[in-house]
N, C-alpha and C. Protein backbone atom coordinates (compact mmCIF):
# COMPACT_ATOMS: atom_id res chain seq x y z
N MET A 1 105.55 76.28 79.39
CA MET A 1 105.10 77.63 79.13
C MET A 1 105.88 78.60 80.01
N LYS A 2 106.14 79.77 79.46
CA LYS A 2 106.74 80.86 80.23
C LYS A 2 105.63 81.79 80.67
N LEU A 3 105.72 82.23 81.92
CA LEU A 3 104.77 83.19 82.46
C LEU A 3 105.53 84.47 82.77
N PHE A 4 105.16 85.54 82.10
CA PHE A 4 105.76 86.85 82.33
C PHE A 4 104.80 87.67 83.18
N ILE A 5 105.31 88.26 84.25
CA ILE A 5 104.56 89.23 85.03
C ILE A 5 105.41 90.49 85.01
N HIS A 6 104.86 91.59 84.51
CA HIS A 6 105.67 92.80 84.39
C HIS A 6 104.83 94.05 84.60
N ASP A 7 105.52 95.12 84.90
CA ASP A 7 104.86 96.42 85.09
C ASP A 7 105.32 97.45 84.07
N LEU A 8 105.89 96.99 82.98
CA LEU A 8 106.42 97.89 81.95
C LEU A 8 105.30 98.43 81.07
N GLU A 9 105.61 99.52 80.40
CA GLU A 9 104.74 99.98 79.32
C GLU A 9 104.79 98.90 78.24
N ILE A 10 103.68 98.69 77.56
CA ILE A 10 103.61 97.63 76.54
C ILE A 10 104.70 97.81 75.49
N SER A 11 104.95 99.02 75.07
CA SER A 11 105.98 99.26 74.04
C SER A 11 107.37 98.85 74.54
N ASP A 12 107.66 99.11 75.81
CA ASP A 12 108.96 98.70 76.38
C ASP A 12 109.05 97.19 76.48
N PHE A 13 107.95 96.54 76.88
CA PHE A 13 107.96 95.08 77.00
C PHE A 13 108.14 94.44 75.63
N GLN A 14 107.49 94.97 74.61
CA GLN A 14 107.58 94.39 73.28
C GLN A 14 108.99 94.44 72.73
N LYS A 15 109.80 95.39 73.17
CA LYS A 15 111.20 95.46 72.74
C LYS A 15 111.98 94.24 73.22
N LEU A 16 111.55 93.65 74.32
CA LEU A 16 112.27 92.52 74.91
C LEU A 16 111.90 91.19 74.28
N LEU A 17 110.78 91.15 73.56
CA LEU A 17 110.25 89.89 73.04
C LEU A 17 110.90 89.50 71.73
N PRO A 18 111.10 88.20 71.56
CA PRO A 18 111.51 87.73 70.23
C PRO A 18 110.28 87.79 69.32
N ASN A 19 110.45 87.38 68.10
CA ASN A 19 109.35 87.45 67.14
C ASN A 19 108.13 86.64 67.57
N SER A 20 108.34 85.52 68.22
CA SER A 20 107.21 84.66 68.56
C SER A 20 107.31 84.15 69.98
N LEU A 21 106.26 84.33 70.73
CA LEU A 21 106.14 83.76 72.08
C LEU A 21 104.79 83.06 72.18
N ASP A 22 104.56 82.14 71.26
CA ASP A 22 103.26 81.48 71.18
C ASP A 22 102.84 80.80 72.48
N GLU A 23 103.79 80.22 73.18
CA GLU A 23 103.44 79.47 74.39
C GLU A 23 103.63 80.27 75.67
N ALA A 24 103.77 81.57 75.56
CA ALA A 24 103.97 82.41 76.75
C ALA A 24 102.66 83.04 77.19
N MET A 25 102.52 83.19 78.49
CA MET A 25 101.40 83.93 79.08
C MET A 25 102.00 85.23 79.59
N ILE A 26 101.41 86.33 79.23
CA ILE A 26 101.94 87.64 79.60
C ILE A 26 100.92 88.36 80.46
N ILE A 27 101.32 88.70 81.68
CA ILE A 27 100.45 89.41 82.61
C ILE A 27 101.00 90.83 82.75
N SER A 28 100.20 91.78 82.29
CA SER A 28 100.60 93.18 82.38
C SER A 28 99.45 94.00 82.95
N ASP A 29 99.76 95.20 83.32
CA ASP A 29 98.79 96.07 83.99
C ASP A 29 97.89 96.76 82.98
N ASP A 30 96.62 96.36 82.98
CA ASP A 30 95.66 97.03 82.11
C ASP A 30 94.79 98.00 82.91
N GLY A 31 95.12 98.19 84.19
CA GLY A 31 94.39 99.13 85.03
C GLY A 31 93.14 98.57 85.67
N THR A 32 92.86 97.28 85.48
CA THR A 32 91.61 96.71 86.01
C THR A 32 91.80 95.76 87.19
N ILE A 33 93.03 95.48 87.57
CA ILE A 33 93.26 94.49 88.63
C ILE A 33 92.64 94.97 89.95
N GLN A 34 91.98 94.05 90.61
CA GLN A 34 91.43 94.30 91.94
C GLN A 34 92.45 93.80 92.96
N HIS A 35 92.45 94.40 94.14
CA HIS A 35 93.38 93.98 95.19
C HIS A 35 92.87 92.71 95.88
N CYS A 36 93.80 91.84 96.26
CA CYS A 36 93.46 90.68 97.07
C CYS A 36 92.80 91.18 98.35
N ILE A 37 91.70 90.55 98.75
CA ILE A 37 91.00 90.99 99.95
C ILE A 37 91.29 90.08 101.15
N GLY A 38 92.17 89.10 100.94
CA GLY A 38 92.57 88.24 102.04
C GLY A 38 91.48 87.33 102.57
N CYS A 39 90.51 87.00 101.72
CA CYS A 39 89.38 86.18 102.17
C CYS A 39 89.69 84.69 102.18
N PHE A 40 90.75 84.28 101.50
CA PHE A 40 91.17 82.88 101.36
C PHE A 40 90.13 82.03 100.63
N GLY A 41 89.23 82.71 99.91
CA GLY A 41 88.25 81.98 99.10
C GLY A 41 88.91 81.10 98.06
N CYS A 42 90.06 81.54 97.55
CA CYS A 42 90.79 80.75 96.54
C CYS A 42 91.32 79.45 97.14
N TRP A 43 91.35 79.35 98.43
CA TRP A 43 91.78 78.12 99.09
C TRP A 43 90.60 77.25 99.48
N VAL A 44 89.51 77.84 99.93
CA VAL A 44 88.44 77.03 100.50
C VAL A 44 87.11 77.12 99.75
N LYS A 45 86.77 78.26 99.20
CA LYS A 45 85.48 78.43 98.55
C LYS A 45 85.52 78.01 97.08
N THR A 46 86.53 78.47 96.37
CA THR A 46 86.71 78.16 94.94
C THR A 46 88.16 77.73 94.73
N PRO A 47 88.54 76.56 95.21
CA PRO A 47 89.95 76.15 95.19
C PRO A 47 90.66 76.42 93.87
N ALA A 48 91.80 77.10 94.00
CA ALA A 48 92.70 77.43 92.89
C ALA A 48 92.19 78.56 92.01
N THR A 49 91.06 79.18 92.35
CA THR A 49 90.53 80.29 91.58
C THR A 49 90.13 81.41 92.53
N CYS A 50 90.58 82.61 92.25
CA CYS A 50 90.23 83.75 93.08
C CYS A 50 88.73 84.04 92.96
N VAL A 51 88.12 84.45 94.05
CA VAL A 51 86.69 84.77 94.03
C VAL A 51 86.40 86.12 93.37
N ILE A 52 87.42 86.94 93.20
CA ILE A 52 87.24 88.24 92.56
C ILE A 52 87.12 88.02 91.05
N GLN A 53 86.07 88.52 90.47
CA GLN A 53 85.76 88.29 89.06
C GLN A 53 86.45 89.32 88.16
N ASP A 54 87.73 89.12 87.92
CA ASP A 54 88.44 89.93 86.94
C ASP A 54 89.41 89.04 86.17
N GLN A 55 90.14 89.61 85.25
CA GLN A 55 90.99 88.77 84.40
C GLN A 55 92.21 88.21 85.13
N TYR A 56 92.41 88.57 86.38
CA TYR A 56 93.55 88.07 87.16
C TYR A 56 93.14 86.94 88.11
N ARG A 57 91.93 86.47 88.01
CA ARG A 57 91.40 85.48 88.96
C ARG A 57 92.04 84.10 88.81
N ASP A 58 92.64 83.81 87.67
CA ASP A 58 93.22 82.48 87.42
C ASP A 58 94.74 82.46 87.52
N MET A 59 95.31 83.35 88.31
CA MET A 59 96.77 83.41 88.42
C MET A 59 97.36 82.10 88.93
N GLY A 60 96.69 81.44 89.86
CA GLY A 60 97.17 80.15 90.37
C GLY A 60 97.23 79.11 89.26
N GLU A 61 96.21 79.08 88.44
CA GLU A 61 96.19 78.14 87.31
C GLU A 61 97.30 78.47 86.31
N TYR A 62 97.48 79.76 86.02
CA TYR A 62 98.54 80.14 85.10
C TYR A 62 99.90 79.68 85.63
N ALA A 63 100.13 79.87 86.91
CA ALA A 63 101.40 79.42 87.51
C ALA A 63 101.53 77.91 87.43
N SER A 64 100.42 77.20 87.55
CA SER A 64 100.46 75.74 87.51
C SER A 64 100.86 75.20 86.15
N LYS A 65 100.73 76.01 85.13
CA LYS A 65 101.03 75.57 83.77
C LYS A 65 102.39 76.04 83.28
N CYS A 66 103.08 76.80 84.11
CA CYS A 66 104.36 77.34 83.64
C CYS A 66 105.54 76.54 84.17
N LYS A 67 106.61 76.60 83.41
CA LYS A 67 107.88 76.02 83.82
C LYS A 67 108.85 77.12 84.18
N GLU A 68 108.60 78.30 83.63
CA GLU A 68 109.48 79.43 83.89
C GLU A 68 108.65 80.67 84.18
N LEU A 69 108.95 81.31 85.30
CA LEU A 69 108.29 82.54 85.71
C LEU A 69 109.31 83.67 85.60
N ILE A 70 108.98 84.68 84.80
CA ILE A 70 109.87 85.81 84.62
C ILE A 70 109.14 87.05 85.10
N ILE A 71 109.69 87.67 86.14
CA ILE A 71 109.09 88.87 86.72
C ILE A 71 109.99 90.06 86.40
N ILE A 72 109.37 91.10 85.87
CA ILE A 72 110.08 92.35 85.58
C ILE A 72 109.35 93.43 86.36
N SER A 73 110.06 94.04 87.31
CA SER A 73 109.41 94.99 88.21
C SER A 73 110.32 96.15 88.56
N LYS A 74 109.72 97.30 88.68
CA LYS A 74 110.46 98.42 89.25
C LYS A 74 110.77 98.04 90.70
N CYS A 75 111.97 98.36 91.15
CA CYS A 75 112.35 98.09 92.53
C CYS A 75 111.80 99.22 93.40
N CYS A 76 110.90 98.89 94.29
CA CYS A 76 110.27 99.87 95.16
C CYS A 76 110.68 99.58 96.61
N TYR A 77 111.67 100.31 97.09
CA TYR A 77 112.16 100.15 98.46
C TYR A 77 112.56 98.70 98.76
N GLY A 78 113.15 98.02 97.79
CA GLY A 78 113.59 96.65 97.99
C GLY A 78 112.50 95.63 97.76
N GLY A 79 111.40 96.03 97.17
CA GLY A 79 110.30 95.11 96.89
C GLY A 79 109.79 95.29 95.48
N PHE A 80 108.72 94.57 95.19
CA PHE A 80 108.09 94.66 93.88
C PHE A 80 107.25 95.93 93.77
N SER A 81 106.97 96.31 92.54
CA SER A 81 106.06 97.43 92.30
C SER A 81 104.67 97.04 92.80
N PRO A 82 103.81 98.01 93.08
CA PRO A 82 102.45 97.68 93.56
C PRO A 82 101.70 96.71 92.64
N PHE A 83 101.79 96.88 91.33
CA PHE A 83 101.09 95.98 90.41
C PHE A 83 101.61 94.56 90.53
N VAL A 84 102.94 94.39 90.46
CA VAL A 84 103.53 93.05 90.52
C VAL A 84 103.21 92.40 91.86
N LYS A 85 103.31 93.14 92.95
CA LYS A 85 102.97 92.61 94.28
C LYS A 85 101.52 92.15 94.30
N ASN A 86 100.64 92.92 93.71
CA ASN A 86 99.23 92.55 93.67
C ASN A 86 99.01 91.26 92.88
N VAL A 87 99.69 91.11 91.75
CA VAL A 87 99.57 89.89 90.96
C VAL A 87 100.06 88.69 91.78
N LEU A 88 101.18 88.85 92.47
CA LEU A 88 101.70 87.75 93.29
C LEU A 88 100.74 87.42 94.43
N ASP A 89 100.14 88.44 95.04
CA ASP A 89 99.12 88.19 96.08
C ASP A 89 97.96 87.39 95.50
N ARG A 90 97.55 87.73 94.31
CA ARG A 90 96.42 87.06 93.66
C ARG A 90 96.80 85.66 93.16
N SER A 91 98.07 85.30 93.26
CA SER A 91 98.55 83.98 92.83
C SER A 91 98.62 82.98 93.97
N ILE A 92 98.16 83.35 95.14
CA ILE A 92 98.30 82.48 96.31
C ILE A 92 97.57 81.15 96.14
N SER A 93 96.59 81.12 95.24
CA SER A 93 95.87 79.86 95.01
C SER A 93 96.75 78.79 94.37
N TYR A 94 97.95 79.16 93.96
CA TYR A 94 98.89 78.18 93.42
C TYR A 94 99.29 77.14 94.47
N ILE A 95 99.22 77.51 95.73
CA ILE A 95 99.57 76.60 96.82
C ILE A 95 98.33 76.26 97.64
N HIS A 96 98.43 75.19 98.43
CA HIS A 96 97.35 74.76 99.33
C HIS A 96 97.36 75.59 100.61
N PRO A 97 96.24 75.65 101.30
CA PRO A 97 96.23 76.30 102.61
C PRO A 97 96.88 75.42 103.68
N TYR A 98 97.08 74.14 103.36
CA TYR A 98 97.65 73.20 104.33
C TYR A 98 99.16 73.35 104.37
N PHE A 99 99.74 72.91 105.47
CA PHE A 99 101.17 73.13 105.68
C PHE A 99 101.98 71.84 105.60
N THR A 100 103.26 72.03 105.33
CA THR A 100 104.23 70.96 105.33
C THR A 100 105.55 71.54 105.84
N ILE A 101 106.46 70.68 106.23
CA ILE A 101 107.78 71.12 106.69
C ILE A 101 108.77 70.92 105.55
N ARG A 102 109.45 72.01 105.16
CA ARG A 102 110.51 71.97 104.16
C ARG A 102 111.72 72.67 104.74
N ASN A 103 112.84 71.98 104.71
CA ASN A 103 114.09 72.54 105.24
C ASN A 103 113.93 73.03 106.67
N GLY A 104 113.17 72.27 107.47
CA GLY A 104 113.00 72.60 108.88
C GLY A 104 112.08 73.79 109.13
N GLU A 105 111.38 74.26 108.09
CA GLU A 105 110.47 75.40 108.22
C GLU A 105 109.07 75.00 107.74
N MET A 106 108.07 75.64 108.30
CA MET A 106 106.70 75.36 107.89
C MET A 106 106.34 76.24 106.69
N HIS A 107 105.83 75.58 105.65
CA HIS A 107 105.41 76.27 104.43
C HIS A 107 104.15 75.63 103.90
N HIS A 108 103.48 76.33 103.01
CA HIS A 108 102.28 75.77 102.40
C HIS A 108 102.63 74.62 101.48
N ARG A 109 101.74 73.64 101.43
CA ARG A 109 101.90 72.48 100.55
C ARG A 109 101.69 72.88 99.10
N ARG A 110 102.35 72.16 98.23
CA ARG A 110 102.16 72.36 96.79
C ARG A 110 100.77 71.88 96.38
N ARG A 111 100.15 72.58 95.48
CA ARG A 111 98.87 72.15 94.90
C ARG A 111 99.11 71.43 93.57
N TYR A 112 100.16 71.83 92.86
CA TYR A 112 100.41 71.32 91.52
C TYR A 112 101.76 70.63 91.45
N GLU A 113 101.96 69.82 90.42
CA GLU A 113 103.19 69.04 90.27
C GLU A 113 104.26 69.76 89.45
N ASN A 114 103.90 70.83 88.76
CA ASN A 114 104.91 71.48 87.92
C ASN A 114 106.03 72.07 88.78
N HIS A 115 107.15 72.25 88.15
CA HIS A 115 108.29 72.86 88.84
C HIS A 115 108.65 74.15 88.10
N ILE A 116 108.78 75.23 88.86
CA ILE A 116 109.01 76.54 88.27
C ILE A 116 110.44 77.02 88.51
N ASP A 117 111.07 77.50 87.44
CA ASP A 117 112.32 78.24 87.54
C ASP A 117 111.95 79.71 87.42
N MET A 118 112.44 80.52 88.35
CA MET A 118 112.06 81.92 88.39
C MET A 118 113.27 82.81 88.16
N GLN A 119 113.03 83.86 87.38
CA GLN A 119 114.02 84.91 87.30
C GLN A 119 113.31 86.24 87.51
N VAL A 120 113.98 87.13 88.23
CA VAL A 120 113.40 88.42 88.57
C VAL A 120 114.36 89.51 88.12
N TRP A 121 113.81 90.47 87.42
CA TRP A 121 114.56 91.63 86.95
C TRP A 121 113.99 92.85 87.64
N PHE A 122 114.78 93.48 88.48
CA PHE A 122 114.40 94.73 89.12
C PHE A 122 115.07 95.87 88.36
N TYR A 123 114.30 96.90 88.06
CA TYR A 123 114.89 98.05 87.38
C TYR A 123 114.65 99.32 88.18
N GLY A 124 115.51 100.27 87.97
CA GLY A 124 115.42 101.56 88.64
C GLY A 124 116.77 102.24 88.58
N GLU A 125 116.75 103.56 88.55
CA GLU A 125 118.00 104.30 88.37
C GLU A 125 118.88 104.35 89.61
N ASN A 126 118.30 104.38 90.78
CA ASN A 126 119.09 104.56 91.99
C ASN A 126 118.79 103.49 93.04
N ILE A 127 118.92 102.23 92.67
CA ILE A 127 118.67 101.14 93.61
C ILE A 127 119.87 101.04 94.55
N THR A 128 119.64 101.17 95.84
CA THR A 128 120.73 101.13 96.83
C THR A 128 121.13 99.68 97.12
N GLU A 129 122.28 99.51 97.73
CA GLU A 129 122.73 98.17 98.14
C GLU A 129 121.74 97.56 99.14
N LYS A 130 121.24 98.35 100.05
CA LYS A 130 120.27 97.86 101.04
C LYS A 130 118.99 97.37 100.35
N GLU A 131 118.53 98.12 99.35
CA GLU A 131 117.34 97.71 98.60
C GLU A 131 117.61 96.40 97.84
N LYS A 132 118.80 96.26 97.29
CA LYS A 132 119.16 95.03 96.59
C LYS A 132 119.14 93.84 97.55
N GLN A 133 119.72 94.02 98.73
CA GLN A 133 119.72 92.95 99.73
C GLN A 133 118.29 92.56 100.13
N THR A 134 117.46 93.57 100.35
CA THR A 134 116.07 93.33 100.73
C THR A 134 115.33 92.60 99.61
N ALA A 135 115.53 93.03 98.38
CA ALA A 135 114.88 92.41 97.22
C ALA A 135 115.31 90.95 97.06
N GLU A 136 116.60 90.69 97.23
CA GLU A 136 117.08 89.31 97.12
C GLU A 136 116.47 88.42 98.19
N LYS A 137 116.34 88.93 99.42
CA LYS A 137 115.70 88.16 100.49
C LYS A 137 114.23 87.91 100.18
N LEU A 138 113.56 88.92 99.64
CA LEU A 138 112.15 88.79 99.27
C LEU A 138 111.96 87.71 98.20
N VAL A 139 112.77 87.75 97.17
CA VAL A 139 112.66 86.77 96.09
C VAL A 139 112.93 85.36 96.64
N LYS A 140 113.93 85.24 97.49
CA LYS A 140 114.22 83.93 98.08
C LYS A 140 113.03 83.43 98.90
N ALA A 141 112.44 84.31 99.71
CA ALA A 141 111.28 83.92 100.52
C ALA A 141 110.11 83.53 99.63
N ASN A 142 109.86 84.28 98.56
CA ASN A 142 108.79 83.93 97.63
C ASN A 142 109.05 82.58 96.98
N SER A 143 110.30 82.32 96.63
CA SER A 143 110.61 81.04 95.98
C SER A 143 110.41 79.87 96.93
N ILE A 144 110.69 80.07 98.20
CA ILE A 144 110.45 79.00 99.18
C ILE A 144 108.95 78.76 99.33
N ASN A 145 108.19 79.83 99.41
CA ASN A 145 106.74 79.69 99.56
C ASN A 145 106.10 79.03 98.34
N PHE A 146 106.61 79.34 97.15
CA PHE A 146 106.07 78.74 95.94
C PHE A 146 106.81 77.47 95.54
N ASP A 147 107.79 77.07 96.35
CA ASP A 147 108.57 75.86 96.12
C ASP A 147 109.13 75.84 94.69
N CYS A 148 109.84 76.90 94.34
CA CYS A 148 110.45 76.99 93.02
C CYS A 148 111.92 77.39 93.15
N ASN A 149 112.64 77.28 92.05
CA ASN A 149 114.05 77.65 92.02
C ASN A 149 114.23 79.06 91.50
N VAL A 150 115.15 79.79 92.11
CA VAL A 150 115.50 81.11 91.60
C VAL A 150 116.68 80.94 90.66
N ARG A 151 116.47 81.25 89.42
CA ARG A 151 117.54 81.14 88.43
C ARG A 151 118.35 82.42 88.35
N ARG A 152 117.68 83.57 88.58
CA ARG A 152 118.39 84.83 88.47
C ARG A 152 117.62 85.93 89.19
N VAL A 153 118.37 86.78 89.88
CA VAL A 153 117.85 88.06 90.38
C VAL A 153 118.82 89.10 89.85
N ALA A 154 118.30 90.00 89.02
CA ALA A 154 119.16 91.00 88.38
C ALA A 154 118.65 92.40 88.70
N PHE A 155 119.58 93.32 88.78
CA PHE A 155 119.27 94.73 89.03
C PHE A 155 119.85 95.54 87.88
N ILE A 156 119.00 96.30 87.24
CA ILE A 156 119.43 97.08 86.09
C ILE A 156 118.93 98.51 86.21
N HIS A 157 119.57 99.39 85.48
CA HIS A 157 119.17 100.79 85.48
C HIS A 157 118.07 101.07 84.47
N SER A 158 118.17 100.42 83.30
CA SER A 158 117.21 100.70 82.24
C SER A 158 116.77 99.40 81.57
N ILE A 159 115.63 99.47 80.94
CA ILE A 159 115.05 98.31 80.27
C ILE A 159 115.98 97.82 79.15
N GLU A 160 116.67 98.72 78.50
CA GLU A 160 117.56 98.35 77.40
C GLU A 160 118.62 97.34 77.85
N GLU A 161 119.00 97.37 79.11
CA GLU A 161 120.00 96.43 79.62
C GLU A 161 119.49 94.99 79.61
N MET A 162 118.17 94.80 79.55
CA MET A 162 117.58 93.46 79.53
C MET A 162 117.53 92.86 78.14
N GLU A 163 117.55 93.68 77.12
CA GLU A 163 117.38 93.19 75.76
C GLU A 163 118.37 92.07 75.46
N GLY A 164 117.84 90.97 74.95
CA GLY A 164 118.66 89.82 74.61
C GLY A 164 119.03 88.93 75.77
N GLN A 165 118.64 89.28 76.99
CA GLN A 165 119.01 88.48 78.16
C GLN A 165 117.83 87.81 78.85
N VAL A 166 116.63 88.35 78.72
CA VAL A 166 115.49 87.87 79.48
C VAL A 166 115.07 86.48 79.05
N LEU A 167 115.08 86.21 77.78
CA LEU A 167 114.55 84.92 77.31
C LEU A 167 115.61 83.96 77.13
């Protein structure tokens, strides 16, 4: 399954889709997402499920079922847009609270066996070189924490530049 997390207007996102994405999960901003409260309930109280009762509570489970994660986000000072960042925060249940050593660094243990290939598309008209460097470091750090591969980090000016390339 492909998991799309995006902050686009629905009409802009639909331009990027082929005729059928039956096996894709699409996470978009409907204005109802609650912010992660940092309670770690998704780790200890309700493992793999956020304690906040909204439609974003199962982000860890959604990630566990995907093979490809595609993030489309406005580049905000070298980071994700507030919505995309919030979704990623709410996805922390994808990993265990326990630690392991990977590449000589301490990281959270995997909860699931699936392997994710990630691609990230940052858009914005005036993304600076410094913002690009910061965004690339952020994506790499996220991929290490989620123990996934980064297939692509792209920077574009407009959504039209993505057409035919995202899938």
